Amino acid sequence: MSPDETAHDQTAHEKTGAKLVYMANQIATFFKTQPANEAAQGVATHINKFWEPRMRRQLFEIIDHGDSGLSPLVLEASSQIRRPEPAKQG
């Protein structure tokens, strides 16, 4: 892969990651209106139900990397979000 292709892939990956952070934070914003003891569960349930494994895998990559820009509620919910198996290298 050429340096240009690598840079393009990285930029696309970063854009996708930024979009996932935005989406997760939007979900958290909605569930912030719920009682505190239900908010994190609501975020996790929504992500588990509607996000495909590839999206959840990338969310955990973002979380594991740290300094993610994710809301504290998303980070709290992450312990209840199903972590998919790592992507197969092929």
C-alpha atoms as a PDB file:
ATOM      1  CA  MET A   1       0.000   0.000   0.000  1.00  0.00           C
ATOM      2  CA  SER A   2       1.391   3.403  -0.960  1.00  0.00           C
ATOM      3  CA  PRO A   3       1.801   6.217   1.597  1.00  0.00           C
ATOM      4  CA  ASP A   4      -1.072   8.055  -0.100  1.00  0.00           C
ATOM      5  CA  GLU A   5      -3.363   5.023   0.284  1.00  0.00           C
ATOM      6  CA  THR A   6      -2.323   4.620   3.913  1.00  0.00           C
ATOM      7  CA  ALA A   7      -3.019   8.305   4.600  1.00  0.00           C
ATOM      8  CA  HIS A   8      -6.390   8.044   2.857  1.00  0.00           C
ATOM      9  CA  ASP A   9      -7.361   4.935   4.854  1.00  0.00           C
ATOM     10  CA  GLN A  10      -6.303   6.604   8.097  1.00  0.00           C
ATOM     11  CA  THR A  11      -8.318   9.736   7.293  1.00  0.00           C
ATOM     12  CA  ALA A  12     -11.392   7.662   6.417  1.00  0.00           C
ATOM     13  CA  HIS A  13     -10.962   5.660   9.618  1.00  0.00           C
ATOM     14  CA  GLU A  14     -10.667   8.874  11.654  1.00  0.00           C
ATOM     15  CA  LYS A  15     -13.808  10.301  10.033  1.00  0.00           C
ATOM     16  CA  THR A  16     -15.713   7.104  10.769  1.00  0.00           C
ATOM     17  CA  GLY A  17     -14.445   7.177  14.350  1.00  0.00           C
ATOM     18  CA  ALA A  18     -15.519  10.801  14.760  1.00  0.00           C
ATOM     19  CA  LYS A  19     -18.954   9.914  13.421  1.00  0.00           C
ATOM     20  CA  LEU A  20     -19.270   6.992  15.846  1.00  0.00           C
ATOM     21  CA  VAL A  21     -18.263   9.246  18.762  1.00  0.00           C
ATOM     22  CA  TYR A  22     -20.873  11.777  17.633  1.00  0.00           C
ATOM     23  CA  MET A  23     -23.560   9.090  17.338  1.00  0.00           C
ATOM     24  CA  ALA A  24     -22.743   7.540  20.719  1.00  0.00           C
ATOM     25  CA  ASN A  25     -22.786  10.953  22.382  1.00  0.00           C
ATOM     26  CA  GLN A  26     -26.166  11.722  20.759  1.00  0.00           C
ATOM     27  CA  ILE A  27     -27.560   8.484  22.223  1.00  0.00           C
ATOM     28  CA  ALA A  28     -26.146   9.467  25.629  1.00  0.00           C
ATOM     29  CA  THR A  29     -27.716  12.922  25.350  1.00  0.00           C
ATOM     30  CA  PHE A  30     -31.115  11.313  24.877  1.00  0.00           C
ATOM     31  CA  PHE A  31     -30.696   8.896  27.780  1.00  0.00           C
ATOM     32  CA  LYS A  32     -29.413  11.614  30.141  1.00  0.00           C
ATOM     33  CA  THR A  33     -33.060  12.537  30.600  1.00  0.00           C
ATOM     34  CA  GLN A  34     -33.738   9.099  32.116  1.00  0.00           C
ATOM     35  CA  PRO A  35     -33.257   8.317  35.806  1.00  0.00           C
ATOM     36  CA  ALA A  36     -29.535   8.000  36.603  1.00  0.00           C
ATOM     37  CA  ASN A  37     -29.788   4.289  37.386  1.00  0.00           C
ATOM     38  CA  GLU A  38     -31.329   3.627  33.944  1.00  0.00           C
ATOM     39  CA  ALA A  39     -29.321   5.967  31.708  1.00  0.00           C
ATOM     40  CA  ALA A  40     -26.180   3.838  31.164  1.00  0.00           C
ATOM     41  CA  GLN A  41     -28.294   0.718  30.671  1.00  0.00           C
ATOM     42  CA  GLY A  42     -30.373   2.575  28.078  1.00  0.00           C
ATOM     43  CA  VAL A  43     -27.271   3.629  26.141  1.00  0.00           C
ATOM     44  CA  ALA A  44     -25.859   0.099  26.227  1.00  0.00           C
ATOM     45  CA  THR A  45     -29.164  -1.485  25.228  1.00  0.00           C
ATOM     46  CA  HIS A  46     -29.562   0.888  22.276  1.00  0.00           C
ATOM     47  CA  ILE A  47     -26.007   0.288  21.015  1.00  0.00           C
ATOM     48  CA  ASN A  48     -26.285  -3.487  21.505  1.00  0.00           C
ATOM     49  CA  LYS A  49     -29.587  -3.559  19.646  1.00  0.00           C
ATOM     50  CA  PHE A  50     -28.883  -1.229  16.729  1.00  0.00           C
ATOM     51  CA  TRP A  51     -25.115  -1.162  16.121  1.00  0.00           C
ATOM     52  CA  GLU A  52     -23.581  -3.935  14.062  1.00  0.00           C
ATOM     53  CA  PRO A  53     -20.489  -5.707  15.460  1.00  0.00           C
ATOM     54  CA  ARG A  54     -18.141  -3.719  13.205  1.00  0.00           C
ATOM     55  CA  MET A  55     -19.418  -0.448  14.710  1.00  0.00           C
ATOM     56  CA  ARG A  56     -19.166  -1.756  18.275  1.00  0.00           C
ATOM     57  CA  ARG A  57     -15.657  -3.075  17.563  1.00  0.00           C
ATOM     58  CA  GLN A  58     -14.565   0.371  16.391  1.00  0.00           C
ATOM     59  CA  LEU A  59     -16.242   1.989  19.410  1.00  0.00           C
ATOM     60  CA  PHE A  60     -14.143  -0.200  21.698  1.00  0.00           C
ATOM     61  CA  GLU A  61     -11.005   0.665  19.697  1.00  0.00           C
ATOM     62  CA  ILE A  62     -11.798   4.314  20.375  1.00  0.00           C
ATOM     63  CA  ILE A  63     -12.442   3.654  24.065  1.00  0.00           C
ATOM     64  CA  ASP A  64      -9.292   1.544  24.431  1.00  0.00           C
ATOM     65  CA  HIS A  65      -7.199   4.256  22.758  1.00  0.00           C
ATOM     66  CA  GLY A  66      -8.278   6.785  25.408  1.00  0.00           C
ATOM     67  CA  ASP A  67      -8.954  10.522  25.109  1.00  0.00           C
ATOM     68  CA  SER A  68     -11.906   9.621  22.918  1.00  0.00           C
ATOM     69  CA  GLY A  69     -14.247  12.569  23.235  1.00  0.00           C
ATOM     70  CA  LEU A  70     -16.957  10.176  24.371  1.00  0.00           C
ATOM     71  CA  SER A  71     -19.347  11.412  27.021  1.00  0.00           C
ATOM     72  CA  PRO A  72     -18.942  10.017  30.545  1.00  0.00           C
ATOM     73  CA  LEU A  73     -22.309   8.271  30.128  1.00  0.00           C
ATOM     74  CA  VAL A  74     -21.090   6.355  27.060  1.00  0.00           C
ATOM     75  CA  LEU A  75     -17.949   5.346  28.942  1.00  0.00           C
ATOM     76  CA  GLU A  76     -20.073   4.196  31.883  1.00  0.00           C
ATOM     77  CA  ALA A  77     -22.312   2.209  29.524  1.00  0.00           C
ATOM     78  CA  SER A  78     -19.351   0.563  27.815  1.00  0.00           C
ATOM     79  CA  SER A  79     -19.125  -2.120  30.498  1.00  0.00           C
ATOM     80  CA  GLN A  80     -22.616  -3.259  29.412  1.00  0.00           C
ATOM     81  CA  ILE A  81     -22.015  -3.087  25.664  1.00  0.00           C
ATOM     82  CA  ARG A  82     -21.252  -6.416  24.017  1.00  0.00           C
ATOM     83  CA  ARG A  83     -17.659  -6.411  22.782  1.00  0.00           C
ATOM     84  CA  PRO A  84     -17.410  -8.230  19.431  1.00  0.00           C
ATOM     85  CA  GLU A  85     -14.642 -10.648  18.591  1.00  0.00           C
ATOM     86  CA  PRO A  86     -11.590  -8.996  16.993  1.00  0.00           C
ATOM     87  CA  ALA A  87     -11.736  -8.664  13.230  1.00  0.00           C
ATOM     88  CA  LYS A  88     -10.095 -11.518  11.394  1.00  0.00           C
ATOM     89  CA  GLN A  89      -6.927 -10.519   9.590  1.00  0.00           C
ATOM     90  CA  GLY A  90      -6.991 -11.914   6.192  1.00  0.00           C
END
